[in-house]
C-alpha atoms as a PDB file:
ATOM      1  CA  MET A   1      89.423  74.968 -74.245  1.00  0.00           C
ATOM      2  CA  THR A   2      89.205  77.809 -72.152  1.00  0.00           C
ATOM      3  CA  GLY A   3      86.450  79.072 -70.553  1.00  0.00           C
ATOM      4  CA  PHE A   4      83.737  81.747 -71.042  1.00  0.00           C
ATOM      5  CA  THR A   5      81.605  83.451 -68.830  1.00  0.00           C
ATOM      6  CA  ALA A   6      79.082  85.866 -69.507  1.00  0.00           C
ATOM      7  CA  LEU A   7      78.077  88.868 -67.419  1.00  0.00           C
ATOM      8  CA  ILE A   8      74.450  89.893 -68.160  1.00  0.00           C
ATOM      9  CA  LEU A   9      73.574  92.855 -67.871  1.00  0.00           C
ATOM     10  CA  PRO A  10      69.716  94.442 -67.335  1.00  0.00           C
ATOM     11  CA  LEU A  11      68.765  96.102 -69.615  1.00  0.00           C
ATOM     12  CA  ALA A  12      65.896  98.392 -68.201  1.00  0.00           C
ATOM     13  CA  PRO A  13      67.424 100.685 -65.201  1.00  0.00           C
ATOM     14  CA  ALA A  14      66.890 100.178 -62.044  1.00  0.00           C
ATOM     15  CA  ALA A  15      63.480 101.566 -60.173  1.00  0.00           C
ATOM     16  CA  PRO A  16      63.632 104.303 -58.090  1.00  0.00           C
ATOM     17  CA  ALA A  17      63.623 104.118 -54.439  1.00  0.00           C
ATOM     18  CA  VAL A  18      59.624 103.614 -53.223  1.00  0.00           C
ATOM     19  CA  ALA A  19      59.009 107.226 -50.753  1.00  0.00           C
ATOM     20  CA  GLU A  20      57.867 105.552 -47.884  1.00  0.00           C
ATOM     21  CA  ASP A  21      61.444 104.444 -47.687  1.00  0.00           C
ATOM     22  CA  GLU A  22      63.491 107.843 -47.299  1.00  0.00           C
ATOM     23  CA  PRO A  23      63.314 109.217 -43.430  1.00  0.00           C
ATOM     24  CA  PRO A  24      60.482 111.893 -42.706  1.00  0.00           C
ATOM     25  CA  ALA A  25      61.189 115.605 -43.384  1.00  0.00           C
ATOM     26  CA  PRO A  26      61.680 117.048 -39.604  1.00  0.00           C
ATOM     27  CA  ALA A  27      58.893 119.300 -38.235  1.00  0.00           C
ATOM     28  CA  PRO A  28      59.268 123.183 -39.225  1.00  0.00           C
ATOM     29  CA  ALA A  29      62.277 125.288 -36.685  1.00  0.00           C
ATOM     30  CA  CYS A  30      59.572 127.356 -35.841  1.00  0.00           C
ATOM     31  CA  VAL A  31      57.756 123.750 -33.547  1.00  0.00           C
ATOM     32  CA  THR A  32      59.226 123.366 -29.867  1.00  0.00           C
ATOM     33  CA  MET A  33      59.217 120.150 -28.614  1.00  0.00           C
ATOM     34  CA  TYR A  34      58.783 119.850 -24.861  1.00  0.00           C
ATOM     35  CA  GLU A  35      59.224 116.451 -22.991  1.00  0.00           C
ATOM     36  CA  SER A  36      58.068 115.860 -19.327  1.00  0.00           C
ATOM     37  CA  TRP A  37      58.699 112.404 -17.486  1.00  0.00           C
ATOM     38  CA  ARG A  38      54.723 111.457 -18.863  1.00  0.00           C
ATOM     39  CA  TYR A  39      54.156 113.330 -22.499  1.00  0.00           C
ATOM     40  CA  THR A  40      55.847 115.111 -25.108  1.00  0.00           C
ATOM     41  CA  SER A  41      53.769 118.494 -25.801  1.00  0.00           C
ATOM     42  CA  ALA A  42      54.801 120.572 -29.507  1.00  0.00           C
ATOM     43  CA  ALA A  43      54.245 124.002 -29.551  1.00  0.00           C
ATOM     44  CA  ASN A  44      53.032 125.738 -33.321  1.00  0.00           C
ATOM     45  CA  ASN A  45      54.736 128.977 -33.797  1.00  0.00           C
ATOM     46  CA  CYS A  46      54.602 129.122 -37.423  1.00  0.00           C
ATOM     47  CA  ALA A  47      51.720 130.749 -39.467  1.00  0.00           C
ATOM     48  CA  ASP A  48      50.552 128.748 -40.703  1.00  0.00           C
ATOM     49  CA  ALA A  49      49.305 124.639 -39.255  1.00  0.00           C
ATOM     50  CA  VAL A  50      51.677 122.165 -39.126  1.00  0.00           C
ATOM     51  CA  SER A  51      50.786 118.214 -39.130  1.00  0.00           C
ATOM     52  CA  ILE A  52      53.651 117.047 -36.778  1.00  0.00           C
ATOM     53  CA  SER A  53      54.570 113.291 -35.650  1.00  0.00           C
ATOM     54  CA  VAL A  54      56.931 112.381 -32.293  1.00  0.00           C
ATOM     55  CA  ALA A  55      59.956 110.306 -33.476  1.00  0.00           C
ATOM     56  CA  TYR A  56      61.178 108.362 -30.620  1.00  0.00           C
ATOM     57  CA  GLN A  57      64.895 107.208 -30.102  1.00  0.00           C
ATOM     58  CA  ASP A  58      63.666 103.563 -30.320  1.00  0.00           C
ATOM     59  CA  GLY A  59      62.746 103.995 -34.203  1.00  0.00           C
ATOM     60  CA  ALA A  60      58.559 104.115 -33.498  1.00  0.00           C
ATOM     61  CA  ALA A  61      56.741 106.839 -34.866  1.00  0.00           C
ATOM     62  CA  GLY A  62      53.758 108.528 -32.384  1.00  0.00           C
ATOM     63  CA  PRO A  63      50.199 109.440 -34.454  1.00  0.00           C
ATOM     64  CA  CYS A  64      50.305 112.654 -37.193  1.00  0.00           C
ATOM     65  CA  THR A  65      48.917 115.317 -35.203  1.00  0.00           C
ATOM     66  CA  THR A  66      47.895 119.222 -36.727  1.00  0.00           C
ATOM     67  CA  LEU A  67      48.640 121.859 -34.575  1.00  0.00           C
ATOM     68  CA  PRO A  68      46.840 125.513 -35.811  1.00  0.00           C
ATOM     69  CA  PRO A  69      49.273 128.473 -35.470  1.00  0.00           C
ATOM     70  CA  GLY A  70      49.521 129.792 -31.584  1.00  0.00           C
ATOM     71  CA  ALA A  71      48.614 125.831 -30.327  1.00  0.00           C
ATOM     72  CA  VAL A  72      50.518 123.896 -27.889  1.00  0.00           C
ATOM     73  CA  ALA A  73      49.460 120.471 -27.506  1.00  0.00           C
ATOM     74  CA  THR A  74      50.140 116.727 -26.445  1.00  0.00           C
ATOM     75  CA  VAL A  75      51.515 114.757 -29.402  1.00  0.00           C
ATOM     76  CA  GLY A  76      52.892 111.472 -27.805  1.00  0.00           C
ATOM     77  CA  GLU A  77      54.204 110.147 -24.659  1.00  0.00           C
ATOM     78  CA  GLY A  78      57.193 111.220 -22.225  1.00  0.00           C
ATOM     79  CA  TYR A  79      60.289 109.505 -21.381  1.00  0.00           C
ATOM     80  CA  LEU A  80      58.304 106.672 -19.520  1.00  0.00           C
ATOM     81  CA  GLY A  81      56.499 105.330 -22.375  1.00  0.00           C
ATOM     82  CA  GLN A  82      56.766 102.460 -24.253  1.00  0.00           C
ATOM     83  CA  HIS A  83      58.813 103.908 -26.676  1.00  0.00           C
ATOM     84  CA  GLY A  84      61.550 105.797 -24.413  1.00  0.00           C
ATOM     85  CA  HIS A  85      62.800 109.324 -24.743  1.00  0.00           C
ATOM     86  CA  PRO A  86      60.948 111.209 -27.893  1.00  0.00           C
ATOM     87  CA  ASP A  87      63.931 112.264 -30.174  1.00  0.00           C
ATOM     88  CA  HIS A  88      62.266 114.766 -32.309  1.00  0.00           C
ATOM     89  CA  LEU A  89      59.267 116.086 -34.659  1.00  0.00           C
ATOM     90  CA  THR A  90      58.696 115.387 -37.843  1.00  0.00           C
ATOM     91  CA  ALA A  91      56.417 116.476 -40.391  1.00  0.00           C
ATOM     92  CA  CYS A  92      53.865 114.055 -41.723  1.00  0.00           C
ATOM     93  CA  GLN A  93      50.727 113.939 -43.565  1.00  0.00           C
ATOM     94  CA  VAL A  94      46.965 113.475 -41.661  1.00  0.00           C
ATOM     95  CA  SER A  95      45.338 110.626 -43.365  1.00  0.00           C
ATOM     96  CA  ALA A  96      42.141 111.047 -44.001  1.00  0.00           C
ATOM     97  CA  SER A  97      39.380 109.010 -42.285  1.00  0.00           C
ATOM     98  CA  ALA A  98      36.965 106.112 -44.181  1.00  0.00           C
ATOM     99  CA  PRO A  99      33.440 107.981 -44.278  1.00  0.00           C
END
């Protein structure tokens, strides 16, 4: 008697990856990051407002901040903060606050 091993394949196609699993897009090239020992600042040199977040070397992300055109603002901690050095800026969407 010979053994029979059946290969069972799922009938449903695999679900697409959830958008939250994808890494955030980088900030536009017209936004510049400046790091000091205490703060991370960003300058928006774009024609439009941009929403950005600091991505730290340890994988943490700072809060989402919207900068109008021409604005320079503190957007995160410097390298003495709890997450260490900032790595880069990412694009983000400011979540609507509850009423």
